[in-house]
Amino acid sequence: MTEQKFIDMRAVTQGRRRSDKSHKAILQAALDLLEQEGYRAMTIEAIAARAGVGKQTIYRWWSSKAAVVLEAFTSNTAFQIPLPATGSLRADLEQFLAASLHTLTERTEPILRSLMSEALVDTEFGAQFRHIFIQARRDALGELLKRAVQLGELASDTDINFLLDLVYGAIWYRILIQHAPLDEKFMLQLIDMIMRYSAHQPS
């Protein structure tokens, strides 16, 4: 029987106590403006006006526009990161990567590119982005791979960090360069790569 667990992103993104009503209004305003104007055109002033709060309220809770968008984006699309436990590494990877790639659409990929570009030039936001978005996903996939080591599907000396770099490096390359689609064929190629890696490890 498949056991499905999730990582709840709300526990990662919540900060100090806030007015719940204003907090939700700000995040919704950010999502609405992302949809209507795109990341580059939207401003903190526009988010505040749409949410019916003062600009200072936003800056009290978030350090930048990118930080607001990051929380709005993760709250909307990634409350939960799936942690399937089917007993099979391939089946776990199929469920995990299918759920991960399902969130990558023509609407969300440009947001991720914008957030990544901000992370490269804003040190504080970069640390937040790595912790909230990047590391949470690495940890989730890492848990699946560590469990495969325990079950003997991967060798005990498997370099899990290297595998994580291969998988997420390939995904981010396609997100940023946009030279090829993030589709089911790509997902299966990633899974085949991991399974071939496991097959060539010494017993």
N, C-alpha and C. Protein backbone atom coordinates (compact mmCIF):
# COMPACT_ATOMS: atom_id res chain seq x y z
N MET A 1 0.85 -1.20 0.00
CA MET A 1 0.00 0.00 0.00
C MET A 1 0.89 1.25 0.00
N THR A 2 0.54 2.20 -0.82
CA THR A 2 1.31 3.44 -0.92
C THR A 2 1.03 4.34 0.27
N GLU A 3 2.09 4.76 0.92
CA GLU A 3 1.97 5.74 2.01
C GLU A 3 2.45 7.08 1.49
N GLN A 4 1.62 8.09 1.57
CA GLN A 4 1.97 9.39 1.03
C GLN A 4 2.11 10.40 2.15
N LYS A 5 3.28 11.02 2.24
CA LYS A 5 3.50 12.08 3.21
C LYS A 5 3.77 13.37 2.43
N PHE A 6 3.71 14.50 3.14
CA PHE A 6 3.95 15.77 2.50
C PHE A 6 4.77 16.65 3.43
N ILE A 7 5.54 17.55 2.83
CA ILE A 7 6.16 18.65 3.57
C ILE A 7 5.25 19.85 3.43
N ASP A 8 4.82 20.42 4.54
CA ASP A 8 3.91 21.56 4.53
C ASP A 8 4.73 22.84 4.46
N MET A 9 4.64 23.57 3.34
CA MET A 9 5.45 24.76 3.15
C MET A 9 5.03 25.91 4.04
N ARG A 10 3.83 25.85 4.64
CA ARG A 10 3.42 26.95 5.52
C ARG A 10 4.32 27.03 6.73
N ALA A 11 4.80 25.86 7.21
CA ALA A 11 5.68 25.87 8.36
C ALA A 11 7.02 26.51 8.03
N VAL A 12 7.41 26.48 6.75
CA VAL A 12 8.68 27.07 6.33
C VAL A 12 8.55 28.57 6.12
N THR A 13 7.43 29.02 5.56
CA THR A 13 7.31 30.41 5.15
C THR A 13 6.77 31.34 6.21
N GLN A 14 6.10 30.82 7.24
CA GLN A 14 5.51 31.71 8.22
C GLN A 14 6.58 32.37 9.08
N GLY A 15 6.45 33.63 9.31
CA GLY A 15 7.37 34.36 10.15
C GLY A 15 6.70 34.76 11.45
N ARG A 16 7.06 35.95 11.96
CA ARG A 16 6.48 36.39 13.22
C ARG A 16 4.99 36.67 13.05
N ARG A 17 4.29 36.75 14.18
CA ARG A 17 2.83 36.87 14.16
C ARG A 17 2.39 38.06 13.32
N ARG A 18 1.35 37.84 12.52
CA ARG A 18 0.82 38.88 11.64
C ARG A 18 -0.69 38.91 11.75
N SER A 19 -1.30 39.98 11.28
CA SER A 19 -2.74 40.02 11.13
C SER A 19 -3.10 39.04 10.03
N ASP A 20 -3.85 38.01 10.36
CA ASP A 20 -4.14 36.97 9.38
C ASP A 20 -4.89 37.53 8.18
N LYS A 21 -5.83 38.43 8.44
CA LYS A 21 -6.62 39.01 7.35
C LYS A 21 -5.74 39.81 6.40
N SER A 22 -4.89 40.67 6.96
CA SER A 22 -4.00 41.49 6.12
C SER A 22 -2.98 40.62 5.40
N HIS A 23 -2.48 39.62 6.11
CA HIS A 23 -1.48 38.72 5.54
C HIS A 23 -2.04 38.03 4.29
N LYS A 24 -3.24 37.46 4.42
CA LYS A 24 -3.87 36.79 3.29
C LYS A 24 -4.17 37.76 2.15
N ALA A 25 -4.60 38.98 2.52
CA ALA A 25 -4.93 39.97 1.49
C ALA A 25 -3.69 40.37 0.70
N ILE A 26 -2.57 40.49 1.36
CA ILE A 26 -1.33 40.87 0.69
C ILE A 26 -0.87 39.76 -0.26
N LEU A 27 -0.91 38.53 0.21
CA LEU A 27 -0.49 37.41 -0.64
C LEU A 27 -1.41 37.27 -1.85
N GLN A 28 -2.72 37.44 -1.63
CA GLN A 28 -3.65 37.34 -2.75
C GLN A 28 -3.45 38.48 -3.73
N ALA A 29 -3.19 39.68 -3.21
CA ALA A 29 -2.93 40.82 -4.09
C ALA A 29 -1.69 40.58 -4.94
N ALA A 30 -0.66 40.00 -4.32
CA ALA A 30 0.56 39.71 -5.07
C ALA A 30 0.28 38.70 -6.19
N LEU A 31 -0.50 37.68 -5.88
CA LEU A 31 -0.84 36.68 -6.90
C LEU A 31 -1.66 37.28 -8.04
N ASP A 32 -2.62 38.14 -7.68
CA ASP A 32 -3.45 38.78 -8.70
C ASP A 32 -2.60 39.66 -9.62
N LEU A 33 -1.69 40.41 -9.03
CA LEU A 33 -0.86 41.31 -9.83
C LEU A 33 0.15 40.53 -10.68
N LEU A 34 0.65 39.41 -10.14
CA LEU A 34 1.52 38.56 -10.94
C LEU A 34 0.79 38.09 -12.19
N GLU A 35 -0.46 37.71 -12.02
CA GLU A 35 -1.27 37.21 -13.13
C GLU A 35 -1.54 38.31 -14.16
N GLN A 36 -1.81 39.52 -13.67
CA GLN A 36 -2.25 40.61 -14.55
C GLN A 36 -1.08 41.39 -15.17
N GLU A 37 -0.02 41.60 -14.37
CA GLU A 37 1.04 42.51 -14.81
C GLU A 37 2.39 41.84 -15.00
N GLY A 38 2.60 40.72 -14.34
CA GLY A 38 3.91 40.09 -14.37
C GLY A 38 4.79 40.62 -13.25
N TYR A 39 5.85 39.89 -12.98
CA TYR A 39 6.71 40.23 -11.84
C TYR A 39 7.38 41.59 -11.98
N ARG A 40 7.95 41.86 -13.13
CA ARG A 40 8.73 43.09 -13.30
C ARG A 40 7.89 44.34 -13.13
N ALA A 41 6.67 44.30 -13.63
CA ALA A 41 5.82 45.50 -13.60
C ALA A 41 5.20 45.76 -12.23
N MET A 42 5.00 44.73 -11.44
CA MET A 42 4.33 44.93 -10.16
C MET A 42 5.25 45.62 -9.16
N THR A 43 4.64 46.36 -8.24
CA THR A 43 5.39 47.10 -7.23
C THR A 43 4.80 46.85 -5.86
N ILE A 44 5.60 47.16 -4.83
CA ILE A 44 5.10 47.07 -3.45
C ILE A 44 3.91 48.00 -3.26
N GLU A 45 3.98 49.19 -3.87
CA GLU A 45 2.87 50.15 -3.76
C GLU A 45 1.58 49.57 -4.32
N ALA A 46 1.69 48.89 -5.47
CA ALA A 46 0.50 48.30 -6.08
C ALA A 46 -0.05 47.16 -5.23
N ILE A 47 0.84 46.35 -4.65
CA ILE A 47 0.38 45.27 -3.77
C ILE A 47 -0.35 45.85 -2.56
N ALA A 48 0.22 46.89 -1.96
CA ALA A 48 -0.39 47.50 -0.78
C ALA A 48 -1.76 48.08 -1.11
N ALA A 49 -1.85 48.79 -2.23
CA ALA A 49 -3.12 49.40 -2.62
C ALA A 49 -4.18 48.34 -2.85
N ARG A 50 -3.81 47.28 -3.54
CA ARG A 50 -4.80 46.23 -3.85
C ARG A 50 -5.22 45.49 -2.58
N ALA A 51 -4.30 45.32 -1.64
CA ALA A 51 -4.61 44.60 -0.40
C ALA A 51 -5.30 45.48 0.63
N GLY A 52 -5.28 46.80 0.41
CA GLY A 52 -5.91 47.71 1.35
C GLY A 52 -5.10 47.90 2.63
N VAL A 53 -3.76 47.85 2.50
CA VAL A 53 -2.88 48.05 3.65
C VAL A 53 -1.86 49.13 3.30
N GLY A 54 -1.16 49.60 4.29
CA GLY A 54 -0.09 50.56 4.05
C GLY A 54 1.17 49.87 3.58
N LYS A 55 1.96 50.60 2.80
CA LYS A 55 3.22 50.03 2.31
C LYS A 55 4.12 49.60 3.46
N GLN A 56 4.07 50.36 4.56
CA GLN A 56 4.92 50.05 5.71
C GLN A 56 4.56 48.70 6.32
N THR A 57 3.28 48.31 6.19
CA THR A 57 2.87 47.00 6.70
C THR A 57 3.59 45.88 5.96
N ILE A 58 3.69 46.02 4.66
CA ILE A 58 4.38 45.00 3.88
C ILE A 58 5.86 44.95 4.26
N TYR A 59 6.50 46.10 4.37
CA TYR A 59 7.92 46.11 4.70
C TYR A 59 8.20 45.66 6.13
N ARG A 60 7.17 45.68 6.98
CA ARG A 60 7.34 45.18 8.34
C ARG A 60 7.46 43.66 8.35
N TRP A 61 6.81 43.02 7.37
CA TRP A 61 6.77 41.56 7.33
C TRP A 61 7.66 40.94 6.27
N TRP A 62 7.98 41.68 5.22
CA TRP A 62 8.83 41.17 4.14
C TRP A 62 9.91 42.19 3.81
N SER A 63 11.05 41.71 3.40
CA SER A 63 12.18 42.59 3.13
C SER A 63 12.15 43.19 1.73
N SER A 64 11.37 42.62 0.83
CA SER A 64 11.40 43.07 -0.56
C SER A 64 10.18 42.54 -1.31
N LYS A 65 9.98 43.06 -2.52
CA LYS A 65 8.93 42.54 -3.39
C LYS A 65 9.15 41.06 -3.66
N ALA A 66 10.39 40.68 -3.89
CA ALA A 66 10.69 39.28 -4.18
C ALA A 66 10.28 38.38 -3.02
N ALA A 67 10.48 38.84 -1.80
CA ALA A 67 10.12 38.04 -0.63
C ALA A 67 8.61 37.85 -0.54
N VAL A 68 7.84 38.90 -0.86
CA VAL A 68 6.38 38.77 -0.88
C VAL A 68 5.97 37.75 -1.93
N VAL A 69 6.52 37.88 -3.12
CA VAL A 69 6.15 36.99 -4.22
C VAL A 69 6.54 35.55 -3.90
N LEU A 70 7.70 35.36 -3.28
CA LEU A 70 8.13 34.01 -2.93
C LEU A 70 7.12 33.34 -2.01
N GLU A 71 6.68 34.05 -0.97
CA GLU A 71 5.71 33.45 -0.06
C GLU A 71 4.36 33.25 -0.75
N ALA A 72 3.93 34.23 -1.52
CA ALA A 72 2.65 34.08 -2.23
C ALA A 72 2.72 32.89 -3.19
N PHE A 73 3.83 32.77 -3.89
CA PHE A 73 3.99 31.71 -4.88
C PHE A 73 4.02 30.34 -4.22
N THR A 74 4.82 30.19 -3.17
CA THR A 74 4.93 28.88 -2.51
C THR A 74 3.64 28.54 -1.78
N SER A 75 2.97 29.53 -1.22
CA SER A 75 1.71 29.27 -0.53
C SER A 75 0.64 28.82 -1.51
N ASN A 76 0.70 29.34 -2.73
CA ASN A 76 -0.33 29.04 -3.71
C ASN A 76 -0.08 27.72 -4.42
N THR A 77 1.16 27.42 -4.74
CA THR A 77 1.43 26.25 -5.58
C THR A 77 2.16 25.13 -4.87
N ALA A 78 2.72 25.38 -3.70
CA ALA A 78 3.58 24.35 -3.10
C ALA A 78 3.42 24.26 -1.59
N PHE A 79 2.16 24.31 -1.10
CA PHE A 79 1.93 24.03 0.31
C PHE A 79 2.58 22.70 0.67
N GLN A 80 2.46 21.75 -0.24
CA GLN A 80 2.90 20.40 0.08
C GLN A 80 3.85 19.86 -0.99
N ILE A 81 4.96 19.34 -0.52
CA ILE A 81 5.89 18.63 -1.40
C ILE A 81 5.66 17.15 -1.15
N PRO A 82 5.29 16.37 -2.16
CA PRO A 82 4.95 14.96 -1.93
C PRO A 82 6.16 14.15 -1.51
N LEU A 83 5.93 13.23 -0.58
CA LEU A 83 6.95 12.28 -0.16
C LEU A 83 6.35 10.88 -0.27
N PRO A 84 6.21 10.35 -1.49
CA PRO A 84 5.60 9.03 -1.67
C PRO A 84 6.46 7.94 -1.04
N ALA A 85 5.81 6.88 -0.60
CA ALA A 85 6.52 5.73 -0.02
C ALA A 85 5.87 4.45 -0.55
N THR A 86 6.16 4.14 -1.81
CA THR A 86 5.53 2.98 -2.46
C THR A 86 6.28 1.68 -2.20
N GLY A 87 7.53 1.81 -1.72
CA GLY A 87 8.37 0.63 -1.58
C GLY A 87 9.25 0.41 -2.80
N SER A 88 9.10 1.25 -3.81
CA SER A 88 9.89 1.15 -5.04
C SER A 88 10.48 2.52 -5.36
N LEU A 89 11.79 2.57 -5.57
CA LEU A 89 12.43 3.84 -5.87
C LEU A 89 11.86 4.44 -7.16
N ARG A 90 11.71 3.63 -8.20
CA ARG A 90 11.20 4.15 -9.47
C ARG A 90 9.80 4.73 -9.29
N ALA A 91 8.92 4.02 -8.61
CA ALA A 91 7.55 4.51 -8.42
C ALA A 91 7.55 5.78 -7.57
N ASP A 92 8.40 5.83 -6.55
CA ASP A 92 8.49 7.05 -5.73
C ASP A 92 8.94 8.23 -6.58
N LEU A 93 9.95 8.00 -7.42
CA LEU A 93 10.47 9.07 -8.27
C LEU A 93 9.42 9.52 -9.27
N GLU A 94 8.67 8.58 -9.83
CA GLU A 94 7.63 8.95 -10.80
C GLU A 94 6.59 9.86 -10.15
N GLN A 95 6.15 9.51 -8.94
CA GLN A 95 5.15 10.34 -8.27
C GLN A 95 5.73 11.69 -7.87
N PHE A 96 6.94 11.69 -7.34
CA PHE A 96 7.56 12.93 -6.87
C PHE A 96 7.81 13.89 -8.01
N LEU A 97 8.41 13.41 -9.09
CA LEU A 97 8.76 14.29 -10.21
C LEU A 97 7.52 14.71 -10.99
N ALA A 98 6.53 13.84 -11.09
CA ALA A 98 5.30 14.22 -11.78
C ALA A 98 4.62 15.37 -11.04
N ALA A 99 4.57 15.29 -9.71
CA ALA A 99 3.97 16.37 -8.92
C ALA A 99 4.80 17.65 -9.03
N SER A 100 6.11 17.50 -9.03
CA SER A 100 6.99 18.67 -9.12
C SER A 100 6.85 19.38 -10.46
N LEU A 101 6.86 18.62 -11.55
CA LEU A 101 6.78 19.21 -12.87
C LEU A 101 5.38 19.73 -13.18
N HIS A 102 4.37 19.18 -12.48
CA HIS A 102 3.00 19.64 -12.70
C HIS A 102 2.85 21.11 -12.31
N THR A 103 3.64 21.57 -11.33
CA THR A 103 3.53 22.97 -10.89
C THR A 103 4.25 23.93 -11.85
N LEU A 104 5.04 23.39 -12.78
CA LEU A 104 5.80 24.23 -13.70
C LEU A 104 4.98 24.43 -14.97
N THR A 105 4.42 25.61 -15.13
CA THR A 105 3.55 25.93 -16.25
C THR A 105 4.03 27.19 -16.94
N GLU A 106 3.34 27.56 -18.01
CA GLU A 106 3.68 28.80 -18.71
C GLU A 106 3.52 30.02 -17.80
N ARG A 107 2.69 29.89 -16.76
CA ARG A 107 2.50 31.01 -15.83
C ARG A 107 3.55 31.01 -14.73
N THR A 108 3.90 29.82 -14.22
CA THR A 108 4.79 29.77 -13.07
C THR A 108 6.28 29.82 -13.45
N GLU A 109 6.64 29.32 -14.60
CA GLU A 109 8.06 29.33 -14.97
C GLU A 109 8.63 30.75 -15.05
N PRO A 110 7.94 31.72 -15.64
CA PRO A 110 8.49 33.09 -15.64
C PRO A 110 8.67 33.65 -14.23
N ILE A 111 7.78 33.28 -13.31
CA ILE A 111 7.93 33.74 -11.92
C ILE A 111 9.19 33.16 -11.32
N LEU A 112 9.43 31.88 -11.55
CA LEU A 112 10.64 31.26 -11.03
C LEU A 112 11.90 31.88 -11.63
N ARG A 113 11.87 32.19 -12.91
CA ARG A 113 13.03 32.84 -13.52
C ARG A 113 13.28 34.20 -12.88
N SER A 114 12.21 34.94 -12.61
CA SER A 114 12.36 36.26 -11.97
C SER A 114 12.90 36.13 -10.56
N LEU A 115 12.39 35.15 -9.81
CA LEU A 115 12.86 34.96 -8.44
C LEU A 115 14.33 34.52 -8.43
N MET A 116 14.70 33.67 -9.35
CA MET A 116 16.10 33.24 -9.41
C MET A 116 17.01 34.41 -9.75
N SER A 117 16.57 35.27 -10.67
CA SER A 117 17.40 36.43 -11.03
C SER A 117 17.57 37.37 -9.83
N GLU A 118 16.49 37.53 -9.04
CA GLU A 118 16.59 38.35 -7.83
C GLU A 118 17.54 37.71 -6.83
N ALA A 119 17.47 36.39 -6.71
CA ALA A 119 18.32 35.69 -5.75
C ALA A 119 19.79 35.84 -6.07
N LEU A 120 20.11 36.03 -7.35
CA LEU A 120 21.51 36.16 -7.75
C LEU A 120 22.09 37.53 -7.43
N VAL A 121 21.23 38.54 -7.30
CA VAL A 121 21.74 39.90 -7.06
C VAL A 121 21.41 40.42 -5.66
N ASP A 122 20.49 39.78 -4.95
CA ASP A 122 20.09 40.22 -3.61
C ASP A 122 20.47 39.12 -2.63
N THR A 123 21.53 39.35 -1.86
CA THR A 123 22.08 38.32 -0.98
C THR A 123 21.06 37.85 0.05
N GLU A 124 20.34 38.78 0.66
CA GLU A 124 19.37 38.40 1.69
C GLU A 124 18.24 37.57 1.10
N PHE A 125 17.71 38.02 -0.04
CA PHE A 125 16.64 37.25 -0.66
C PHE A 125 17.17 35.92 -1.17
N GLY A 126 18.40 35.91 -1.66
CA GLY A 126 18.99 34.67 -2.15
C GLY A 126 19.01 33.60 -1.07
N ALA A 127 19.34 34.01 0.16
CA ALA A 127 19.35 33.05 1.28
C ALA A 127 17.94 32.55 1.55
N GLN A 128 16.94 33.44 1.49
CA GLN A 128 15.55 33.03 1.70
C GLN A 128 15.11 32.07 0.61
N PHE A 129 15.44 32.38 -0.63
CA PHE A 129 15.02 31.56 -1.75
C PHE A 129 15.62 30.15 -1.65
N ARG A 130 16.89 30.09 -1.29
CA ARG A 130 17.53 28.78 -1.15
C ARG A 130 16.88 27.97 -0.04
N HIS A 131 16.57 28.63 1.09
CA HIS A 131 16.01 27.92 2.22
C HIS A 131 14.57 27.50 1.98
N ILE A 132 13.75 28.42 1.49
CA ILE A 132 12.31 28.17 1.37
C ILE A 132 11.98 27.34 0.14
N PHE A 133 12.63 27.62 -0.97
CA PHE A 133 12.24 26.94 -2.21
C PHE A 133 13.23 25.85 -2.61
N ILE A 134 14.50 26.20 -2.72
CA ILE A 134 15.49 25.25 -3.24
C ILE A 134 15.74 24.11 -2.26
N GLN A 135 16.13 24.44 -1.03
CA GLN A 135 16.54 23.41 -0.09
C GLN A 135 15.40 22.50 0.31
N ALA A 136 14.19 23.04 0.42
CA ALA A 136 13.04 22.20 0.79
C ALA A 136 12.84 21.08 -0.22
N ARG A 137 13.03 21.39 -1.49
CA ARG A 137 12.86 20.39 -2.53
C ARG A 137 14.02 19.42 -2.59
N ARG A 138 15.22 19.91 -2.38
CA ARG A 138 16.38 19.01 -2.30
C ARG A 138 16.21 18.04 -1.13
N ASP A 139 15.76 18.56 0.01
CA ASP A 139 15.59 17.70 1.18
C ASP A 139 14.55 16.61 0.92
N ALA A 140 13.46 16.98 0.23
CA ALA A 140 12.40 16.01 -0.03
C ALA A 140 12.90 14.88 -0.93
N LEU A 141 13.54 15.25 -2.05
CA LEU A 141 14.07 14.22 -2.94
C LEU A 141 15.19 13.45 -2.25
N GLY A 142 15.99 14.15 -1.46
CA GLY A 142 17.05 13.48 -0.73
C GLY A 142 16.52 12.41 0.21
N GLU A 143 15.37 12.67 0.82
CA GLU A 143 14.76 11.68 1.71
C GLU A 143 14.39 10.42 0.95
N LEU A 144 13.85 10.60 -0.28
CA LEU A 144 13.51 9.44 -1.09
C LEU A 144 14.76 8.62 -1.43
N LEU A 145 15.84 9.31 -1.77
CA LEU A 145 17.06 8.62 -2.15
C LEU A 145 17.72 7.94 -0.95
N LYS A 146 17.68 8.59 0.21
CA LYS A 146 18.25 7.97 1.42
C LYS A 146 17.47 6.71 1.79
N ARG A 147 16.15 6.77 1.62
CA ARG A 147 15.33 5.59 1.91
C ARG A 147 15.68 4.46 0.94
N ALA A 148 15.97 4.81 -0.32
CA ALA A 148 16.36 3.79 -1.30
C ALA A 148 17.68 3.14 -0.91
N VAL A 149 18.59 3.92 -0.32
CA VAL A 149 19.85 3.35 0.19
C VAL A 149 19.55 2.36 1.30
N GLN A 150 18.67 2.74 2.23
CA GLN A 150 18.32 1.86 3.35
C GLN A 150 17.68 0.56 2.88
N LEU A 151 16.91 0.65 1.78
CA LEU A 151 16.22 -0.53 1.26
C LEU A 151 17.09 -1.34 0.29
N GLY A 152 18.29 -0.86 0.03
CA GLY A 152 19.20 -1.58 -0.85
C GLY A 152 19.00 -1.31 -2.33
N GLU A 153 18.15 -0.33 -2.69
CA GLU A 153 17.95 0.00 -4.10
C GLU A 153 19.05 0.91 -4.63
N LEU A 154 19.72 1.59 -3.73
CA LEU A 154 20.91 2.37 -4.06
C LEU A 154 22.04 1.89 -3.16
N ALA A 155 23.26 1.92 -3.68
CA ALA A 155 24.41 1.46 -2.90
C ALA A 155 24.63 2.34 -1.67
N SER A 156 25.23 1.77 -0.65
CA SER A 156 25.43 2.49 0.61
C SER A 156 26.34 3.70 0.45
N ASP A 157 27.21 3.67 -0.56
CA ASP A 157 28.13 4.80 -0.76
C ASP A 157 27.64 5.76 -1.85
N THR A 158 26.35 5.70 -2.19
CA THR A 158 25.79 6.60 -3.19
C THR A 158 25.99 8.05 -2.78
N ASP A 159 26.47 8.87 -3.70
CA ASP A 159 26.65 10.30 -3.45
C ASP A 159 25.31 10.99 -3.73
N ILE A 160 24.50 11.12 -2.69
CA ILE A 160 23.15 11.66 -2.86
C ILE A 160 23.17 13.12 -3.29
N ASN A 161 24.08 13.90 -2.74
CA ASN A 161 24.15 15.31 -3.14
C ASN A 161 24.47 15.45 -4.63
N PHE A 162 25.30 14.55 -5.14
CA PHE A 162 25.62 14.57 -6.56
C PHE A 162 24.38 14.27 -7.40
N LEU A 163 23.59 13.27 -6.98
CA LEU A 163 22.36 12.95 -7.69
C LEU A 163 21.37 14.12 -7.64
N LEU A 164 21.27 14.79 -6.50
CA LEU A 164 20.39 15.94 -6.38
C LEU A 164 20.82 17.05 -7.32
N ASP A 165 22.13 17.27 -7.43
CA ASP A 165 22.63 18.29 -8.36
C ASP A 165 22.29 17.93 -9.80
N LEU A 166 22.41 16.65 -10.14
CA LEU A 166 22.10 16.22 -11.51
C LEU A 166 20.63 16.46 -11.84
N VAL A 167 19.75 16.06 -10.93
CA VAL A 167 18.31 16.19 -11.18
C VAL A 167 17.89 17.65 -11.22
N TYR A 168 18.19 18.39 -10.15
CA TYR A 168 17.73 19.78 -10.10
C TYR A 168 18.53 20.69 -11.03
N GLY A 169 19.78 20.33 -11.29
CA GLY A 169 20.53 21.10 -12.28
C GLY A 169 19.88 21.02 -13.64
N ALA A 170 19.44 19.80 -14.02
CA ALA A 170 18.77 19.63 -15.32
C ALA A 170 17.44 20.38 -15.36
N ILE A 171 16.69 20.32 -14.27
CA ILE A 171 15.40 21.02 -14.23
C ILE A 171 15.59 22.52 -14.34
N TRP A 172 16.50 23.06 -13.54
CA TRP A 172 16.71 24.51 -13.58
C TRP A 172 17.29 24.97 -14.91
N TYR A 173 18.12 24.14 -15.53
CA TYR A 173 18.67 24.51 -16.83
C TYR A 173 17.54 24.71 -17.84
N ARG A 174 16.56 23.82 -17.81
CA ARG A 174 15.44 23.96 -18.75
C ARG A 174 14.54 25.14 -18.37
N ILE A 175 14.38 25.40 -17.08
CA ILE A 175 13.58 26.55 -16.67
C ILE A 175 14.23 27.85 -17.14
N LEU A 176 15.54 27.96 -16.95
CA LEU A 176 16.24 29.22 -17.23
C LEU A 176 16.55 29.40 -18.71
N ILE A 177 16.99 28.36 -19.38
CA ILE A 177 17.40 28.48 -20.78
C ILE A 177 16.21 28.35 -21.73
N GLN A 178 15.20 27.59 -21.34
CA GLN A 178 13.97 27.44 -22.11
C GLN A 178 14.22 26.81 -23.49
N HIS A 179 15.19 25.94 -23.55
CA HIS A 179 15.53 25.33 -24.84
C HIS A 179 14.76 24.04 -25.11
N ALA A 180 14.13 23.48 -24.07
CA ALA A 180 13.42 22.21 -24.22
C ALA A 180 12.34 22.13 -23.13
N PRO A 181 11.31 21.35 -23.36
CA PRO A 181 10.18 21.33 -22.42
C PRO A 181 10.44 20.51 -21.17
N LEU A 182 9.73 20.87 -20.11
CA LEU A 182 9.72 20.10 -18.88
C LEU A 182 8.50 19.17 -18.95
N ASP A 183 8.63 18.08 -19.67
CA ASP A 183 7.49 17.22 -19.94
C ASP A 183 7.71 15.81 -19.37
N GLU A 184 6.77 14.93 -19.65
CA GLU A 184 6.85 13.57 -19.12
C GLU A 184 8.08 12.84 -19.64
N LYS A 185 8.43 13.06 -20.90
CA LYS A 185 9.62 12.41 -21.45
C LYS A 185 10.86 12.81 -20.67
N PHE A 186 10.97 14.08 -20.36
CA PHE A 186 12.10 14.58 -19.58
C PHE A 186 12.11 13.94 -18.20
N MET A 187 10.94 13.86 -17.54
CA MET A 187 10.84 13.26 -16.22
C MET A 187 11.33 11.81 -16.25
N LEU A 188 10.90 11.06 -17.26
CA LEU A 188 11.30 9.65 -17.35
C LEU A 188 12.79 9.51 -17.63
N GLN A 189 13.35 10.46 -18.38
CA GLN A 189 14.80 10.44 -18.63
C GLN A 189 15.57 10.67 -17.33
N LEU A 190 15.08 11.57 -16.48
CA LEU A 190 15.72 11.79 -15.18
C LEU A 190 15.67 10.53 -14.33
N ILE A 191 14.51 9.88 -14.33
CA ILE A 191 14.36 8.66 -13.54
C ILE A 191 15.28 7.56 -14.06
N ASP A 192 15.33 7.40 -15.38
CA ASP A 192 16.22 6.40 -15.98
C ASP A 192 17.67 6.67 -15.61
N MET A 193 18.05 7.94 -15.58
CA MET A 193 19.42 8.31 -15.21
C MET A 193 19.74 7.84 -13.79
N ILE A 194 18.81 8.07 -12.86
CA ILE A 194 19.02 7.66 -11.48
C ILE A 194 19.07 6.14 -11.38
N MET A 195 18.19 5.47 -12.07
CA MET A 195 18.16 4.01 -12.00
C MET A 195 19.42 3.40 -12.62
N ARG A 196 19.92 4.00 -13.71
CA ARG A 196 21.17 3.51 -14.29
C ARG A 196 22.33 3.74 -13.33
N TYR A 197 22.31 4.87 -12.65
CA TYR A 197 23.35 5.18 -11.66
C TYR A 197 23.33 4.11 -10.57
N SER A 198 22.14 3.78 -10.09
CA SER A 198 22.05 2.78 -9.02
C SER A 198 22.51 1.41 -9.52
N ALA A 199 22.23 1.10 -10.78
CA ALA A 199 22.59 -0.22 -11.33
C ALA A 199 24.09 -0.39 -11.46
N HIS A 200 24.81 0.73 -11.60
CA HIS A 200 26.27 0.64 -11.80
C HIS A 200 27.04 0.79 -10.50
N GLN A 201 26.35 0.92 -9.36
CA GLN A 201 27.05 1.02 -8.09
C GLN A 201 27.48 -0.36 -7.63
N PRO A 202 28.66 -0.44 -7.01
CA PRO A 202 29.11 -1.76 -6.51
C PRO A 202 28.19 -2.28 -5.43
N SER A 203 27.97 -3.58 -5.42
CA SER A 203 27.07 -4.18 -4.41
C SER A 203 27.83 -4.35 -3.10
